[in-house]
Amino acid sequence: MFCVIHLIQILIFGSMKALRYLLMPFYRIWFYALVMVGITIFSPMLFLGTVREQWYKIYFKGARWWGMFVLMGMGFIPKVERRTKYVPGASYMFVANHVSMVDIMLMLYTANRPFVFVGKKELSKIPIFGYFYRRGCILVDRNDPASRRSVYFQAQKRLSEGLGICIFPEGGVPDPKIDLSPFKDGAFRLAVEHQIPIAPMTFVDNKRRFPYSFFEGSPGTLRVVCHPVIETKGLGLEDRKDLKDQTRALIESALMG
């Protein structure tokens, strides 16, 4: 009797796994289709928001709606636990763990206030997407010291316009076996130099829902934890390691919990 039940389980779950492998490429293609269709739909707002720097908030609103369009189209339901309240009009350094291509969309949805990403220059080469990416981000070539230095001045300019900054401090997507890579200094150096609070977030489900592994992923809830902000007023560059460790511990605590 046990052998019969075991055989049935193998047939059922084995078939489900095979079906998922067959369907997952279409789910991935659907994601890219949503990204491009969303850009097309919201391109008037995205383009208008890049005509003048003072109109960036129009760009951001279009980008946020684009992000929500992609999330909903993929069957993702954001569920945000806010353990803090962001002060209206204040600038923040938003940081989060980086595990998925939907991290950008979820950050746009969760922060819900104008900010600019500090992102890899390579992404600006993607057709259509790259055009708007270049105009809405601070680009950095991590292999070019001059490019890394210019981030400081570009960030200063954006902050003076009342915007926030977002950096994924791991510097890239970690190996699938690693839950959270060591953080790089950049975000914390900028936060200290500009005396803006750090706003840590944990993306709990992104790795499971839409990882970089091609044959894995599924629709469902995307939980986000918005941790209490970490103040940087009065701190110096010598404090950036403590800030980095404190921020990483907060993000990791929600991942482990």
Protein backbone atom coordinates (compact mmCIF):
# COMPACT_ATOMS: atom_id res chain seq x y z
CA MET A 1 0.00 0.00 0.00
CA PHE A 2 2.81 2.37 0.94
CA CYS A 3 4.57 1.70 -2.37
CA VAL A 4 1.41 2.55 -4.32
CA ILE A 5 0.99 5.86 -2.43
CA HIS A 6 4.65 6.68 -2.95
CA LEU A 7 4.33 5.96 -6.67
CA ILE A 8 1.29 8.26 -6.92
CA GLN A 9 3.20 11.04 -5.15
CA ILE A 10 6.10 10.70 -7.57
CA LEU A 11 3.77 10.81 -10.56
CA ILE A 12 1.82 13.84 -9.28
CA PHE A 13 4.70 15.96 -8.00
CA GLY A 14 7.03 14.85 -10.75
CA SER A 15 4.46 15.95 -13.31
CA MET A 16 4.00 19.28 -11.52
CA LYS A 17 7.74 19.88 -11.56
CA ALA A 18 7.95 19.03 -15.25
CA LEU A 19 5.01 21.32 -15.97
CA ARG A 20 6.66 24.15 -14.10
CA TYR A 21 9.82 23.71 -16.16
CA LEU A 22 7.71 23.91 -19.31
CA LEU A 23 5.78 26.99 -18.19
CA MET A 24 8.60 28.95 -16.52
CA PRO A 25 10.18 30.22 -19.80
CA PHE A 26 6.81 31.74 -20.71
CA TYR A 27 6.59 33.34 -17.25
CA ARG A 28 10.03 34.87 -17.79
CA ILE A 29 9.14 36.11 -21.27
CA TRP A 30 5.93 37.56 -19.81
CA PHE A 31 8.04 39.55 -17.32
CA TYR A 32 10.14 41.15 -20.05
CA ALA A 33 7.00 41.81 -22.09
CA LEU A 34 5.42 43.60 -19.13
CA VAL A 35 8.56 45.69 -18.62
CA MET A 36 8.53 46.88 -22.23
CA VAL A 37 4.75 47.33 -22.49
CA GLY A 38 4.79 49.28 -19.22
CA ILE A 39 7.54 51.57 -20.50
CA THR A 40 5.50 52.18 -23.65
CA ILE A 41 2.34 52.97 -21.67
CA PHE A 42 4.03 55.36 -19.26
CA SER A 43 6.61 56.77 -21.69
CA PRO A 44 4.82 60.16 -21.98
CA MET A 45 5.27 60.75 -18.24
CA LEU A 46 8.78 59.31 -18.23
CA PHE A 47 9.85 61.46 -21.16
CA LEU A 48 8.18 64.63 -19.86
CA GLY A 49 9.85 64.16 -16.49
CA THR A 50 13.28 64.18 -18.14
CA VAL A 51 12.79 67.41 -20.11
CA ARG A 52 13.57 69.58 -17.09
CA GLU A 53 15.21 68.59 -13.82
CA GLN A 54 12.45 70.37 -11.90
CA TRP A 55 9.96 67.92 -13.41
CA TYR A 56 11.67 64.82 -12.05
CA LYS A 57 8.70 64.09 -9.80
CA ILE A 58 6.63 63.49 -12.94
CA TYR A 59 9.26 60.99 -14.08
CA PHE A 60 9.22 59.29 -10.69
CA LYS A 61 5.45 58.98 -10.65
CA GLY A 62 5.55 57.38 -14.09
CA ALA A 63 8.33 55.03 -12.97
CA ARG A 64 6.36 54.05 -9.86
CA TRP A 65 3.24 53.30 -11.88
CA TRP A 66 5.41 51.29 -14.28
CA GLY A 67 6.75 49.29 -11.34
CA MET A 68 3.28 48.61 -9.99
CA PHE A 69 2.11 47.60 -13.49
CA VAL A 70 4.89 44.98 -13.71
CA LEU A 71 4.32 43.67 -10.17
CA MET A 72 0.58 43.27 -10.66
CA GLY A 73 1.00 41.76 -14.12
CA MET A 74 3.32 39.12 -12.65
CA GLY A 75 0.83 38.25 -9.93
CA PHE A 76 2.96 39.73 -7.14
CA ILE A 77 1.17 41.25 -4.15
CA PRO A 78 3.34 43.63 -2.08
CA LYS A 79 2.77 43.45 1.68
CA VAL A 80 4.66 46.20 3.49
CA GLU A 81 5.33 46.20 7.23
CA ARG A 82 6.27 49.75 8.16
CA ARG A 83 8.19 49.97 11.42
CA THR A 84 8.85 53.66 10.86
CA LYS A 85 7.31 56.74 9.28
CA TYR A 86 9.25 58.76 6.75
CA VAL A 87 9.13 62.51 7.32
CA PRO A 88 7.38 64.33 4.45
CA GLY A 89 9.87 66.23 2.30
CA ALA A 90 12.94 64.66 3.91
CA SER A 91 15.68 62.92 1.90
CA TYR A 92 16.78 59.38 2.77
CA MET A 93 19.37 56.85 1.73
CA PHE A 94 17.22 53.83 0.87
CA VAL A 95 19.06 50.49 1.08
CA ALA A 96 17.84 46.90 0.72
CA ASN A 97 19.06 43.40 -0.01
CA HIS A 98 19.43 42.71 -3.74
CA VAL A 99 18.18 39.31 -4.89
CA SER A 100 15.89 39.73 -7.90
CA MET A 101 15.03 41.75 -10.99
CA VAL A 102 11.83 42.86 -9.25
CA ASP A 103 13.79 44.63 -6.49
CA ILE A 104 13.68 47.86 -8.52
CA MET A 105 9.90 47.73 -8.95
CA LEU A 106 9.33 46.86 -5.30
CA MET A 107 11.59 49.69 -4.13
CA LEU A 108 9.67 52.18 -6.28
CA TYR A 109 6.41 50.92 -4.79
CA THR A 110 7.55 50.82 -1.17
CA ALA A 111 9.49 54.09 -0.83
CA ASN A 112 6.61 56.05 -2.37
CA ARG A 113 8.62 59.28 -2.53
CA PRO A 114 10.92 60.66 -5.22
CA PHE A 115 14.43 59.24 -5.19
CA VAL A 116 17.09 58.26 -7.70
CA PHE A 117 18.87 54.94 -7.99
CA VAL A 118 22.63 54.67 -8.07
CA GLY A 119 22.94 51.91 -10.65
CA LYS A 120 25.32 50.03 -12.90
CA LYS A 121 26.25 51.81 -16.09
CA GLU A 122 25.92 48.55 -18.08
CA LEU A 123 22.12 48.59 -17.75
CA SER A 124 21.96 51.81 -19.75
CA LYS A 125 22.76 49.77 -22.88
CA ILE A 126 19.43 47.91 -22.80
CA PRO A 127 17.25 49.18 -25.70
CA ILE A 128 14.42 51.56 -24.70
CA PHE A 129 14.75 50.70 -20.99
CA GLY A 130 18.30 52.08 -21.03
CA TYR A 131 17.14 55.41 -22.43
CA PHE A 132 14.94 56.16 -19.42
CA TYR A 133 17.33 54.41 -17.02
CA ARG A 134 20.09 56.88 -17.95
CA ARG A 135 17.81 59.83 -17.25
CA GLY A 136 16.48 58.61 -13.94
CA CYS A 137 19.60 57.18 -12.32
CA ILE A 138 23.07 58.13 -11.20
CA LEU A 139 25.22 55.83 -13.31
CA VAL A 140 28.43 54.35 -11.97
CA ASP A 141 31.15 52.28 -13.59
CA ARG A 142 32.57 50.37 -10.64
CA ASN A 143 35.82 49.74 -12.51
CA ASP A 144 36.41 53.46 -13.04
CA PRO A 145 37.59 55.46 -9.98
CA ALA A 146 36.60 58.75 -11.64
CA SER A 147 33.07 57.45 -12.19
CA ARG A 148 32.81 56.38 -8.55
CA ARG A 149 33.99 59.83 -7.41
CA SER A 150 31.46 61.60 -9.62
CA VAL A 151 28.63 59.83 -7.78
CA TYR A 152 29.28 62.10 -4.78
CA PHE A 153 28.70 65.29 -6.77
CA GLN A 154 25.69 63.93 -8.64
CA ALA A 155 24.15 62.75 -5.37
CA GLN A 156 24.77 66.16 -3.80
CA LYS A 157 22.94 67.81 -6.68
CA ARG A 158 19.97 65.45 -6.41
CA LEU A 159 19.73 65.85 -2.65
CA SER A 160 19.73 69.63 -3.04
CA GLU A 161 16.63 69.15 -5.20
CA GLY A 162 14.87 67.39 -2.32
CA LEU A 163 15.26 63.85 -3.67
CA GLY A 164 16.38 60.69 -1.93
CA ILE A 165 19.00 58.17 -3.05
CA CYS A 166 18.73 54.38 -3.35
CA ILE A 167 21.68 51.99 -3.38
CA PHE A 168 21.73 48.20 -3.07
CA PRO A 169 24.79 47.96 -0.80
CA GLU A 170 25.76 44.39 -1.71
CA GLY A 171 27.01 45.81 -5.00
CA GLY A 172 25.34 43.08 -7.02
CA VAL A 173 23.20 39.97 -6.73
CA PRO A 174 24.88 37.35 -4.50
CA ASP A 175 25.30 33.67 -5.26
CA PRO A 176 21.97 31.80 -4.84
CA LYS A 177 23.41 29.95 -1.83
CA ILE A 178 24.13 33.25 -0.03
CA ASP A 179 21.25 35.01 1.71
CA LEU A 180 23.06 38.31 2.25
CA SER A 181 26.48 39.35 0.95
CA PRO A 182 28.83 41.71 2.79
CA PHE A 183 27.94 45.38 2.25
CA LYS A 184 30.14 47.86 0.43
CA ASP A 185 30.90 51.31 1.84
CA GLY A 186 29.37 53.52 -0.84
CA ALA A 187 25.86 54.03 0.52
CA PHE A 188 27.10 54.69 4.04
CA ARG A 189 29.85 57.06 2.98
CA LEU A 190 27.32 59.09 0.98
CA ALA A 191 24.82 59.08 3.85
CA VAL A 192 27.45 60.40 6.28
CA GLU A 193 28.89 62.94 3.86
CA HIS A 194 25.42 64.34 3.14
CA GLN A 195 24.12 63.81 6.70
CA ILE A 196 20.93 62.04 5.56
CA PRO A 197 19.23 59.17 7.43
CA ILE A 198 19.59 55.60 6.24
CA ALA A 199 16.27 53.87 5.54
CA PRO A 200 16.88 50.09 5.52
CA MET A 201 14.41 47.65 3.95
CA THR A 202 14.31 43.88 3.78
CA PHE A 203 12.83 42.21 0.71
CA VAL A 204 11.79 38.91 2.28
CA ASP A 205 10.26 36.97 -0.62
CA ASN A 206 11.85 38.33 -3.81
CA LYS A 207 14.47 35.61 -4.00
CA ARG A 208 11.85 32.89 -3.77
CA ARG A 209 9.24 34.54 -6.01
CA PHE A 210 11.49 35.65 -8.87
CA PRO A 211 15.13 34.63 -8.51
CA TYR A 212 17.75 34.87 -11.22
CA SER A 213 17.56 31.09 -11.56
CA PHE A 214 15.63 30.67 -14.82
CA PHE A 215 13.36 27.76 -13.88
CA GLU A 216 12.26 29.02 -10.46
CA GLY A 217 9.65 31.51 -9.33
CA SER A 218 5.93 31.88 -8.80
CA PRO A 219 3.24 34.54 -8.26
CA GLY A 220 2.37 35.45 -4.67
CA THR A 221 3.06 37.82 -1.81
CA LEU A 222 6.19 39.99 -1.68
CA ARG A 223 6.79 40.95 1.94
CA VAL A 224 8.80 44.08 2.75
CA VAL A 225 9.98 45.24 6.15
CA CYS A 226 10.72 48.97 6.45
CA HIS A 227 13.06 49.18 9.44
CA PRO A 228 13.47 52.22 11.70
CA VAL A 229 15.68 54.84 10.09
CA ILE A 230 19.27 55.24 11.23
CA GLU A 231 20.34 58.84 11.78
CA THR A 232 23.73 60.07 10.58
CA LYS A 233 23.73 63.65 11.88
CA GLY A 234 26.96 64.40 13.68
CA LEU A 235 28.66 61.23 12.44
CA GLY A 236 31.92 61.16 10.48
CA LEU A 237 33.44 58.83 7.92
CA GLU A 238 35.07 56.87 10.72
CA ASP A 239 31.55 55.77 11.73
CA ARG A 240 30.60 54.27 8.37
CA LYS A 241 31.64 50.72 9.34
CA ASP A 242 29.37 50.79 12.40
CA LEU A 243 26.55 52.15 10.24
CA LYS A 244 27.15 49.43 7.68
CA ASP A 245 27.15 46.68 10.30
CA GLN A 246 24.04 48.06 12.03
CA THR A 247 22.15 48.30 8.75
CA ARG A 248 23.15 44.82 7.62
CA ALA A 249 22.10 43.35 10.96
CA LEU A 250 18.63 44.91 10.64
CA ILE A 251 18.13 43.60 7.12
CA GLU A 252 19.45 40.16 8.02
CA SER A 253 17.21 39.92 11.11
CA ALA A 254 14.07 40.07 8.94
CA LEU A 255 15.49 37.55 6.48
CA MET A 256 16.28 35.08 9.25
CA GLY A 257 13.00 35.71 11.07
